[in-house]
C-alpha cells in the first residue's frame, strides 16, 4: 500500500496557551488564552532541521526528542507514513513549565501541522481523532481540548476515548496571568496530590465545577465562589508557596483567581479592562503580570504571511 503524499508548500500553525483546572475543574475544565506559539513545517528531501526562537530557544532539543517532533511523527504514522525529511521553525511565546499549556501547545501544533502537510489529511485524521491522539500523548485531555477547540472547554474520558465540548466564555472576563520567574515541573506538582480525598471535599468541588460552567459563560458575578477548590491547590502549596500567597491575597480582595494548571502561574478572571488593570498592579516585583484576551478559535492553520492582527496575537 502506497504511503501518503505530502504538500510541497510549508504550513503555519498557531496554537494558544491554555489554563486547566480553573480551580475546581481538576483535569476537566480548560480555557484558551490569547498568547500564541507559531510553528512552520515543511516537508524536505531528507533529514530533520529545527529552528527555535523565543521560549526554550536555549534549552529545547533540536532533534527527534523535541515534543513537537515526536507529535509530528506519531501523527504521520496514523496518516499513513513518514515524510523523507522535515524542516521545523518554532516561534515560542508561551512560557515553559509555568502551567500555561506549553506542552499541550507543542503536541497540538505537531498533530495539526502533520495533518496540514499531508494530502487528504483532514479525511484521514478528523478533529475527534486529533483530540484523542493529543490526549494519548499528553496523558489527560483538559489542556489539549482547550488548545484545539479554543474558548472554554469541558473534557472527559469515555471508555478510554477523549471527549470534549466547547463553550463561549463571557466576553466581559479579561484574564490576567501572573507568571513567576521559576518554572515548576507538572510531575512535581502532581506528585504532591494525595491518593484519596475526603468525600466532603469531592462533593464541594463537584458543586463548584458545575457552578463554574454557569459563572464563566453567563454569570461572571459568581466567579469568586465558583473558582473555589479543595482538591489540588492547597496540596500543591509546598511546591509554590509564593503562588498560593498571591492567590490568597487576590481572593481576599474579591478577585476570582486560581492556580493555572499545575502552577506556578496564577490566573485571575476579573471583569472589564479597568478591573484587569487594577488586578495587574496587585502583584509584586517577582511576577510578570500580563492581561490576555480570550482565544475563541483554538489551534488553526494560517497563511505564511498572516500578521495575526485579526487574532490579537503578538508577533
Protein backbone atom coordinates (compact mmCIF):
# COMPACT_ATOMS: atom_id res chain seq x y z
CA UNK A 1 0.00 0.00 0.00
CA UNK A 2 1.41 3.38 -1.02
CA UNK A 3 2.11 5.93 1.67
CA UNK A 4 0.58 9.39 1.79
CA UNK A 5 1.50 12.26 -0.49
CA UNK A 6 2.78 15.48 1.05
CA UNK A 7 2.30 19.09 0.08
CA UNK A 8 5.40 20.86 -1.19
CA UNK A 9 4.49 24.16 0.45
CA UNK A 10 5.19 24.91 4.10
CA UNK A 11 2.30 25.22 6.56
CA UNK A 12 1.99 27.56 9.50
CA UNK A 13 0.10 26.52 12.63
CA UNK A 14 -0.82 28.79 15.54
CA UNK A 15 -1.71 27.34 18.95
CA UNK A 16 -2.94 29.19 22.06
CA UNK A 17 -1.80 29.00 25.64
CA UNK A 18 -4.27 27.32 27.96
CA UNK A 19 -5.17 27.26 31.62
CA UNK A 20 -6.54 23.99 33.00
CA UNK A 21 -8.50 23.13 36.14
CA UNK A 22 -9.65 26.75 36.72
CA UNK A 23 -9.91 25.95 40.41
CA UNK A 24 -12.42 23.15 40.98
CA UNK A 25 -12.46 21.54 37.50
CA UNK A 26 -9.46 19.30 38.05
CA UNK A 27 -8.32 17.57 34.83
CA UNK A 28 -11.57 18.52 33.09
CA UNK A 29 -12.02 22.28 32.56
CA UNK A 30 -9.80 24.40 30.33
CA UNK A 31 -9.62 27.92 28.95
CA UNK A 32 -7.82 29.08 25.80
CA UNK A 33 -5.83 32.31 26.19
CA UNK A 34 -4.62 34.91 23.71
CA UNK A 35 -0.93 34.04 23.87
CA UNK A 36 0.39 32.00 20.95
CA UNK A 37 3.14 29.78 19.64
CA UNK A 38 3.66 29.67 15.87
CA UNK A 39 5.12 26.68 14.07
CA UNK A 40 6.08 26.42 10.39
CA UNK A 41 6.60 22.92 9.00
CA UNK A 42 7.83 21.96 5.55
CA UNK A 43 8.46 18.52 4.11
CA UNK A 44 12.08 18.33 2.93
CA UNK A 45 14.08 15.91 0.82
CA UNK A 46 15.91 14.43 3.80
CA UNK A 47 16.92 14.89 7.44
CA UNK A 48 15.47 16.95 10.24
CA UNK A 49 16.21 20.64 10.80
CA UNK A 50 14.71 22.55 13.75
CA UNK A 51 14.98 26.29 14.42
CA UNK A 52 13.63 27.67 17.71
CA UNK A 53 13.14 31.32 18.69
CA UNK A 54 11.73 32.67 21.94
CA UNK A 55 10.81 30.45 24.89
CA UNK A 56 13.00 27.37 25.14
CA UNK A 57 15.45 28.51 22.46
CA UNK A 58 18.39 27.70 24.74
CA UNK A 59 17.02 24.55 26.36
CA UNK A 60 14.79 22.59 23.97
CA UNK A 61 16.31 19.72 21.95
CA UNK A 62 16.77 20.15 18.23
CA UNK A 63 16.34 16.50 17.33
CA UNK A 64 13.77 13.70 17.48
CA UNK A 65 13.39 14.22 21.25
CA UNK A 66 11.61 17.54 20.73
CA UNK A 67 7.98 17.06 21.87
CA UNK A 68 6.65 18.77 18.76
CA UNK A 69 8.67 16.46 16.51
CA UNK A 70 7.53 13.40 18.45
CA UNK A 71 3.94 14.57 17.97
CA UNK A 72 4.55 15.12 14.27
CA UNK A 73 5.97 11.61 13.95
CA UNK A 74 3.09 9.99 15.83
CA UNK A 75 0.54 11.82 13.69
CA UNK A 76 2.37 10.90 10.46
CA UNK A 77 2.21 7.24 11.47
CA UNK A 78 -1.56 7.49 11.79
CA UNK A 79 -1.76 9.37 8.50
CA UNK A 80 -0.03 6.55 6.66
CA UNK A 81 3.71 7.17 6.69
CA UNK A 82 6.66 9.44 7.40
CA UNK A 83 7.98 12.13 5.03
CA UNK A 84 11.58 11.89 3.81
CA UNK A 85 12.65 14.95 5.77
CA UNK A 86 11.30 17.83 7.82
CA UNK A 87 12.10 21.48 8.39
CA UNK A 88 10.53 22.92 11.54
CA UNK A 89 10.62 26.54 12.69
CA UNK A 90 9.18 27.40 16.13
CA UNK A 91 8.35 30.89 17.41
CA UNK A 92 7.53 30.23 21.06
CA UNK A 93 5.79 32.77 23.28
CA UNK A 94 4.08 30.50 25.82
CA UNK A 95 6.25 30.23 28.97
CA UNK A 96 7.53 26.74 29.70
CA UNK A 97 6.91 24.97 32.99
CA UNK A 98 4.52 27.64 34.24
CA UNK A 99 1.11 25.94 33.96
CA UNK A 100 0.08 27.64 30.70
CA UNK A 101 -0.08 24.57 28.49
CA UNK A 102 3.24 24.82 26.62
CA UNK A 103 3.48 21.04 26.22
CA UNK A 104 -0.11 20.80 25.01
CA UNK A 105 0.59 23.59 22.53
CA UNK A 106 3.58 21.68 21.14
CA UNK A 107 1.57 18.47 20.88
CA UNK A 108 -1.41 20.10 19.16
CA UNK A 109 0.83 22.09 16.81
CA UNK A 110 2.65 18.93 15.76
CA UNK A 111 -0.53 16.97 15.11
CA UNK A 112 -2.23 19.79 13.21
CA UNK A 113 0.87 20.52 11.14
CA UNK A 114 1.25 16.85 10.19
CA UNK A 115 -2.38 16.77 9.06
CA UNK A 116 -2.00 20.02 7.13
CA UNK A 117 1.06 18.93 5.12
CA UNK A 118 -0.45 15.54 4.29
CA UNK A 119 -2.63 15.45 1.20
CA UNK A 120 -6.11 14.42 2.33
CA UNK A 121 -5.02 14.75 5.93
CA UNK A 122 -8.35 16.03 7.27
CA UNK A 123 -10.14 12.96 5.92
CA UNK A 124 -7.56 10.62 7.43
CA UNK A 125 -7.37 12.39 10.82
CA UNK A 126 -10.53 14.29 11.75
CA UNK A 127 -10.94 16.66 14.70
CA UNK A 128 -12.13 13.95 17.08
CA UNK A 129 -9.14 11.80 16.20
CA UNK A 130 -6.81 14.76 16.76
CA UNK A 131 -8.21 15.20 20.27
CA UNK A 132 -7.78 11.51 21.04
CA UNK A 133 -4.21 11.49 19.75
CA UNK A 134 -3.28 14.67 21.62
CA UNK A 135 -4.75 13.22 24.82
CA UNK A 136 -2.83 9.98 24.33
CA UNK A 137 0.44 11.91 24.05
CA UNK A 138 -0.31 14.39 26.85
CA UNK A 139 -1.93 11.92 29.24
CA UNK A 140 -5.04 13.99 30.04
CA UNK A 141 -7.47 15.97 27.87
CA UNK A 142 -8.03 19.27 29.69
CA UNK A 143 -5.28 21.41 28.14
CA UNK A 144 -5.28 19.81 24.69
CA UNK A 145 -9.06 20.21 24.38
CA UNK A 146 -8.85 23.94 25.07
CA UNK A 147 -5.84 24.29 22.76
CA UNK A 148 -7.56 22.55 19.84
CA UNK A 149 -11.07 23.95 20.28
CA UNK A 150 -10.48 27.39 21.82
CA UNK A 151 -12.90 29.04 24.22
CA UNK A 152 -13.93 27.34 27.47
CA UNK A 153 -13.88 23.55 27.32
CA UNK A 154 -15.11 20.60 29.34
CA UNK A 155 -13.22 17.38 28.60
CA UNK A 156 -13.71 13.85 29.85
CA UNK A 157 -12.76 10.25 29.11
CA UNK A 158 -15.45 7.85 27.88
CA UNK A 159 -14.47 4.18 27.64
CA UNK A 160 -10.87 5.23 27.17
CA UNK A 161 -11.65 7.82 24.48
CA UNK A 162 -11.25 11.57 24.95
CA UNK A 163 -14.33 13.72 24.52
CA UNK A 164 -14.81 17.47 24.84
CA UNK A 165 -17.37 20.20 24.39
CA UNK A 166 -16.65 23.86 23.77
CA UNK A 167 -18.46 26.82 25.30
CA UNK A 168 -18.13 30.57 24.81
CA UNK A 169 -16.79 32.34 27.91
CA UNK A 170 -18.43 35.63 28.86
CA UNK A 171 -16.70 38.36 26.81
CA UNK A 172 -16.54 40.69 29.82
CA UNK A 173 -13.96 38.43 31.51
CA UNK A 174 -10.38 39.66 31.00
CA UNK A 175 -7.77 37.05 32.01
CA UNK A 176 -4.68 38.27 33.85
CA UNK A 177 -1.81 35.84 34.31
CA UNK A 178 0.87 36.29 36.95
CA UNK A 179 3.92 34.39 35.74
CA UNK A 180 6.80 33.76 38.15
CA UNK A 181 10.43 33.63 37.10
CA UNK A 182 10.97 30.00 38.09
CA UNK A 183 9.20 27.02 36.48
CA UNK A 184 7.60 24.04 38.21
CA UNK A 185 7.52 20.56 36.69
CA UNK A 186 4.00 19.17 36.33
CA UNK A 187 5.27 15.83 37.63
CA UNK A 188 6.42 17.54 40.84
CA UNK A 189 3.05 19.22 41.36
CA UNK A 190 1.08 16.04 40.64
CA UNK A 191 3.32 14.09 43.00
CA UNK A 192 2.06 16.15 45.94
CA UNK A 193 -1.55 15.13 45.47
CA UNK A 194 -2.96 12.51 47.87
CA UNK A 195 -4.36 9.23 46.57
CA UNK A 196 -7.60 9.81 48.49
CA UNK A 197 -9.55 12.94 49.44
CA UNK A 198 -12.42 13.42 51.91
CA UNK A 199 -15.87 12.82 50.44
CA UNK A 200 -16.98 16.26 51.62
CA UNK A 201 -14.20 17.90 49.58
CA UNK A 202 -15.08 15.90 46.46
CA UNK A 203 -18.72 16.92 46.84
CA UNK A 204 -17.68 20.55 47.33
CA UNK A 205 -15.66 20.56 44.11
CA UNK A 206 -18.42 18.86 42.15
CA UNK A 207 -20.78 21.67 43.08
CA UNK A 208 -18.24 24.39 42.37
CA UNK A 209 -17.35 22.87 38.97
CA UNK A 210 -21.00 22.92 37.95
CA UNK A 211 -21.31 26.50 39.16
CA UNK A 212 -18.17 27.49 37.24
CA UNK A 213 -19.75 26.49 33.92
CA UNK A 214 -22.58 28.95 34.58
CA UNK A 215 -20.30 31.61 36.03
CA UNK A 216 -17.73 31.65 33.23
CA UNK A 217 -20.30 31.61 30.43
CA UNK A 218 -23.24 33.70 31.71
CA UNK A 219 -22.76 34.86 35.31
CA UNK A 220 -19.26 36.26 35.84
CA UNK A 221 -20.50 37.83 39.08
CA UNK A 222 -20.39 34.28 40.51
CA UNK A 223 -16.77 33.59 39.56
CA UNK A 224 -15.38 34.16 43.06
CA UNK A 225 -17.32 31.31 44.72
CA UNK A 226 -17.25 29.24 41.51
CA UNK A 227 -13.43 29.10 41.46
CA UNK A 228 -13.05 27.71 44.99
CA UNK A 229 -11.13 24.44 45.18
CA UNK A 230 -10.39 21.78 47.79
CA UNK A 231 -8.83 19.03 45.65
CA UNK A 232 -5.41 20.21 44.49
CA UNK A 233 -4.27 23.79 45.12
CA UNK A 234 -3.58 23.58 48.84
CA UNK A 235 -1.95 20.16 48.48
CA UNK A 236 0.47 21.68 45.98
CA UNK A 237 1.24 24.70 48.14
CA UNK A 238 4.60 23.38 49.45
CA UNK A 239 5.97 23.47 45.88
CA UNK A 240 4.74 27.01 45.16
CA UNK A 241 4.28 28.96 48.36
CA UNK A 242 4.52 32.35 46.64
CA UNK A 243 1.81 31.36 44.16
CA UNK A 244 -0.57 30.33 46.91
CA UNK A 245 0.18 33.50 48.87
CA UNK A 246 -0.64 35.63 45.79
CA UNK A 247 -3.74 33.54 45.14
CA UNK A 248 -4.99 34.07 48.68
CA UNK A 249 -4.21 37.78 48.52
CA UNK A 250 -6.18 38.21 45.30
CA UNK A 251 -9.16 36.25 46.56
CA UNK A 252 -9.17 38.19 49.83
CA UNK A 253 -9.56 41.28 47.64
CA UNK A 254 -12.60 39.63 45.96
CA UNK A 255 -10.70 38.81 42.77
CA UNK A 256 -11.57 35.41 41.24
CA UNK A 257 -8.18 33.72 41.00
CA UNK A 258 -6.81 30.19 40.63
CA UNK A 259 -3.55 28.36 40.16
CA UNK A 260 -3.20 27.89 36.40
CA UNK A 261 -2.92 24.18 35.65
CA UNK A 262 -0.26 22.62 37.83
CA UNK A 263 1.21 26.07 38.53
CA UNK A 264 3.08 28.09 39.44
CA UNK A 265 1.33 30.78 37.33
CA UNK A 266 -1.72 32.39 38.95
CA UNK A 267 -4.71 33.20 36.75
CA UNK A 268 -7.14 35.99 37.69
CA UNK A 269 -10.52 36.40 35.98
CA UNK A 270 -11.73 39.96 36.63
CA UNK A 271 -14.49 41.62 34.62
CA UNK A 272 -13.68 44.54 32.34
CA UNK A 273 -10.48 46.27 31.27
CA UNK A 274 -10.49 48.64 34.22
CA UNK A 275 -10.66 45.80 36.74
CA UNK A 276 -7.98 43.91 34.85
CA UNK A 277 -5.63 46.91 35.00
CA UNK A 278 -6.22 47.20 38.75
CA UNK A 279 -5.62 43.50 39.30
CA UNK A 280 -2.40 43.54 37.26
CA UNK A 281 -0.97 46.11 39.67
CA UNK A 282 -1.51 43.87 42.71
CA UNK A 283 1.46 41.57 42.04
CA UNK A 284 4.92 42.11 43.41
CA UNK A 285 8.15 42.51 41.50
CA UNK A 286 8.75 38.76 41.31
CA UNK A 287 5.76 38.37 38.99
CA UNK A 288 5.20 39.25 35.35
CA UNK A 289 1.56 40.32 35.03
CA UNK A 290 0.00 40.02 31.56
CA UNK A 291 -3.52 40.93 30.52
CA UNK A 292 -4.61 38.49 27.84
CA UNK A 293 -7.58 38.09 25.57
CA UNK A 294 -9.81 35.03 25.47
CA UNK A 295 -8.94 32.87 22.47
CA UNK A 296 -12.02 31.76 20.55
CA UNK A 297 -10.52 29.87 17.61
CA UNK A 298 -8.10 27.36 19.10
CA UNK A 299 -5.37 25.75 17.02
CA UNK A 300 -5.53 26.78 13.38
CA UNK A 301 -3.61 26.84 10.12
CA UNK A 302 -2.69 30.36 8.99
CA UNK A 303 -1.26 31.75 5.77
CA UNK A 304 2.51 32.05 5.99
CA UNK A 305 2.33 35.84 5.58
CA UNK A 306 -0.51 36.41 8.08
CA UNK A 307 0.29 39.13 10.60
CA UNK A 308 -2.01 37.76 13.28
CA UNK A 309 -3.78 41.09 13.76
CA UNK A 310 -7.21 39.51 13.49
CA UNK A 311 -6.36 37.15 16.33
CA UNK A 312 -4.65 39.73 18.52
CA UNK A 313 -1.52 37.60 18.60
CA UNK A 314 1.90 39.04 19.42
CA UNK A 315 4.45 38.91 16.63
